Amino acid sequence: SQVPIEVGSIKLPAGQYILGYVRQGNGLAVKFFEAISGKFLGSVTAKLDRTTHGVYAFKIWPPDQRSLIQIGRFVFPYHVQ
């Protein structure tokens, strides 16, 4: 990220991150890690979004449109700080 962002209760300064996810119930558990150290930073739950018409492996919607990160059919919000 080139700017600080907030995902759930996780505040991420500008930097490089790795995320992973695993199916959990009706959603995805998305986990964030620092790219350099591998340090775990926190996790959020992505929920199934039936309003999206396309299925994308990974998509970040611009903050002026939807402020969502989409993985497959699942989304979670983010905010630019």
C-alpha atoms as a PDB file:
ATOM      1  CA  SER A   1       0.000   0.000   0.000  1.00  0.00           C
ATOM      2  CA  GLN A   2       1.288   3.447  -0.844  1.00  0.00           C
ATOM      3  CA  VAL A   3      -0.956   5.111   1.743  1.00  0.00           C
ATOM      4  CA  PRO A   4      -2.076   4.089   5.246  1.00  0.00           C
ATOM      5  CA  ILE A   5      -5.267   2.022   5.250  1.00  0.00           C
ATOM      6  CA  GLU A   6      -7.569   0.551   7.860  1.00  0.00           C
ATOM      7  CA  VAL A   7      -9.080  -2.914   7.450  1.00  0.00           C
ATOM      8  CA  GLY A   8     -11.496  -3.803  10.237  1.00  0.00           C
ATOM      9  CA  SER A   9      -9.610  -2.867  13.410  1.00  0.00           C
ATOM     10  CA  ILE A  10      -6.208  -3.293  11.716  1.00  0.00           C
ATOM     11  CA  LYS A  11      -4.370  -0.042  10.951  1.00  0.00           C
ATOM     12  CA  LEU A  12      -1.753  -0.574   8.252  1.00  0.00           C
ATOM     13  CA  PRO A  13       0.814   2.141   7.547  1.00  0.00           C
ATOM     14  CA  ALA A  14       2.075   2.484   3.990  1.00  0.00           C
ATOM     15  CA  GLY A  15       4.127  -0.620   3.273  1.00  0.00           C
ATOM     16  CA  GLN A  16       4.188  -4.136   1.901  1.00  0.00           C
ATOM     17  CA  TYR A  17       1.820  -6.805   3.162  1.00  0.00           C
ATOM     18  CA  ILE A  18       0.898 -10.402   2.500  1.00  0.00           C
ATOM     19  CA  LEU A  19      -2.593 -11.706   3.021  1.00  0.00           C
ATOM     20  CA  GLY A  20      -3.926 -15.207   3.156  1.00  0.00           C
ATOM     21  CA  TYR A  21      -7.399 -16.566   3.537  1.00  0.00           C
ATOM     22  CA  VAL A  22      -9.254 -19.712   4.481  1.00  0.00           C
ATOM     23  CA  ARG A  23     -12.938 -20.575   4.181  1.00  0.00           C
ATOM     24  CA  GLN A  24     -14.668 -20.192   7.524  1.00  0.00           C
ATOM     25  CA  GLY A  25     -18.403 -20.889   7.792  1.00  0.00           C
ATOM     26  CA  ASN A  26     -20.224 -18.655   5.301  1.00  0.00           C
ATOM     27  CA  GLY A  27     -17.224 -16.369   4.767  1.00  0.00           C
ATOM     28  CA  LEU A  28     -13.464 -16.131   4.515  1.00  0.00           C
ATOM     29  CA  ALA A  29     -11.045 -15.481   7.361  1.00  0.00           C
ATOM     30  CA  VAL A  30      -8.524 -13.060   5.803  1.00  0.00           C
ATOM     31  CA  LYS A  31      -5.215 -12.753   7.665  1.00  0.00           C
ATOM     32  CA  PHE A  32      -2.687  -9.935   7.213  1.00  0.00           C
ATOM     33  CA  PHE A  33       1.078 -10.253   7.659  1.00  0.00           C
ATOM     34  CA  GLU A  34       4.075  -7.926   7.253  1.00  0.00           C
ATOM     35  CA  ALA A  35       5.816  -8.924   4.024  1.00  0.00           C
ATOM     36  CA  ILE A  36       9.366  -8.520   5.314  1.00  0.00           C
ATOM     37  CA  SER A  37       9.109 -10.191   8.722  1.00  0.00           C
ATOM     38  CA  GLY A  38       6.041 -12.411   8.318  1.00  0.00           C
ATOM     39  CA  LYS A  39       4.645 -10.923  11.545  1.00  0.00           C
ATOM     40  CA  PHE A  40       0.897 -11.553  11.954  1.00  0.00           C
ATOM     41  CA  LEU A  41      -1.015  -8.248  12.085  1.00  0.00           C
ATOM     42  CA  GLY A  42      -4.619  -9.370  12.440  1.00  0.00           C
ATOM     43  CA  SER A  43      -7.574 -10.789  10.569  1.00  0.00           C
ATOM     44  CA  VAL A  44     -10.967  -9.773   9.204  1.00  0.00           C
ATOM     45  CA  THR A  45     -13.953 -11.731   7.918  1.00  0.00           C
ATOM     46  CA  ALA A  46     -14.902 -11.364   4.262  1.00  0.00           C
ATOM     47  CA  LYS A  47     -18.606 -11.918   3.619  1.00  0.00           C
ATOM     48  CA  LEU A  48     -20.395 -13.299   0.587  1.00  0.00           C
ATOM     49  CA  ASP A  49     -21.569 -10.428  -1.626  1.00  0.00           C
ATOM     50  CA  ARG A  50     -24.512 -11.309  -3.843  1.00  0.00           C
ATOM     51  CA  THR A  51     -24.653  -7.768  -5.302  1.00  0.00           C
ATOM     52  CA  THR A  52     -21.362  -8.117  -7.201  1.00  0.00           C
ATOM     53  CA  HIS A  53     -21.816  -9.391 -10.713  1.00  0.00           C
ATOM     54  CA  GLY A  54     -18.251 -10.439 -11.475  1.00  0.00           C
ATOM     55  CA  VAL A  55     -16.167 -13.019  -9.666  1.00  0.00           C
ATOM     56  CA  TYR A  56     -12.534 -11.951  -9.379  1.00  0.00           C
ATOM     57  CA  ALA A  57      -9.576 -13.794  -7.917  1.00  0.00           C
ATOM     58  CA  PHE A  58      -8.592 -10.502  -6.245  1.00  0.00           C
ATOM     59  CA  LYS A  59      -9.900  -6.972  -6.769  1.00  0.00           C
ATOM     60  CA  ILE A  60      -9.473  -3.733  -4.853  1.00  0.00           C
ATOM     61  CA  TRP A  61     -12.313  -1.344  -5.572  1.00  0.00           C
ATOM     62  CA  PRO A  62     -11.307   2.353  -5.619  1.00  0.00           C
ATOM     63  CA  PRO A  63     -12.229   4.164  -2.386  1.00  0.00           C
ATOM     64  CA  ASP A  64     -14.426   6.658  -4.235  1.00  0.00           C
ATOM     65  CA  GLN A  65     -16.567   3.801  -5.638  1.00  0.00           C
ATOM     66  CA  ARG A  66     -17.062   1.009  -3.077  1.00  0.00           C
ATOM     67  CA  SER A  67     -14.028   0.844  -0.709  1.00  0.00           C
ATOM     68  CA  LEU A  68     -14.063  -2.952  -0.853  1.00  0.00           C
ATOM     69  CA  ILE A  69     -11.481  -5.662  -1.321  1.00  0.00           C
ATOM     70  CA  GLN A  70     -12.929  -8.632  -3.177  1.00  0.00           C
ATOM     71  CA  ILE A  71     -11.653 -12.220  -3.142  1.00  0.00           C
ATOM     72  CA  GLY A  72     -13.780 -14.444  -5.361  1.00  0.00           C
ATOM     73  CA  ARG A  73     -17.371 -13.698  -4.321  1.00  0.00           C
ATOM     74  CA  PHE A  74     -16.361 -12.434  -0.856  1.00  0.00           C
ATOM     75  CA  VAL A  75     -15.722  -8.822   0.164  1.00  0.00           C
ATOM     76  CA  PHE A  76     -14.542  -6.777   3.136  1.00  0.00           C
ATOM     77  CA  PRO A  77     -14.343  -3.002   3.534  1.00  0.00           C
ATOM     78  CA  TYR A  78     -11.233  -0.871   3.858  1.00  0.00           C
ATOM     79  CA  HIS A  79     -10.700   2.823   4.546  1.00  0.00           C
ATOM     80  CA  VAL A  80      -7.897   5.102   3.413  1.00  0.00           C
ATOM     81  CA  GLN A  81      -6.576   6.962   6.461  1.00  0.00           C
END
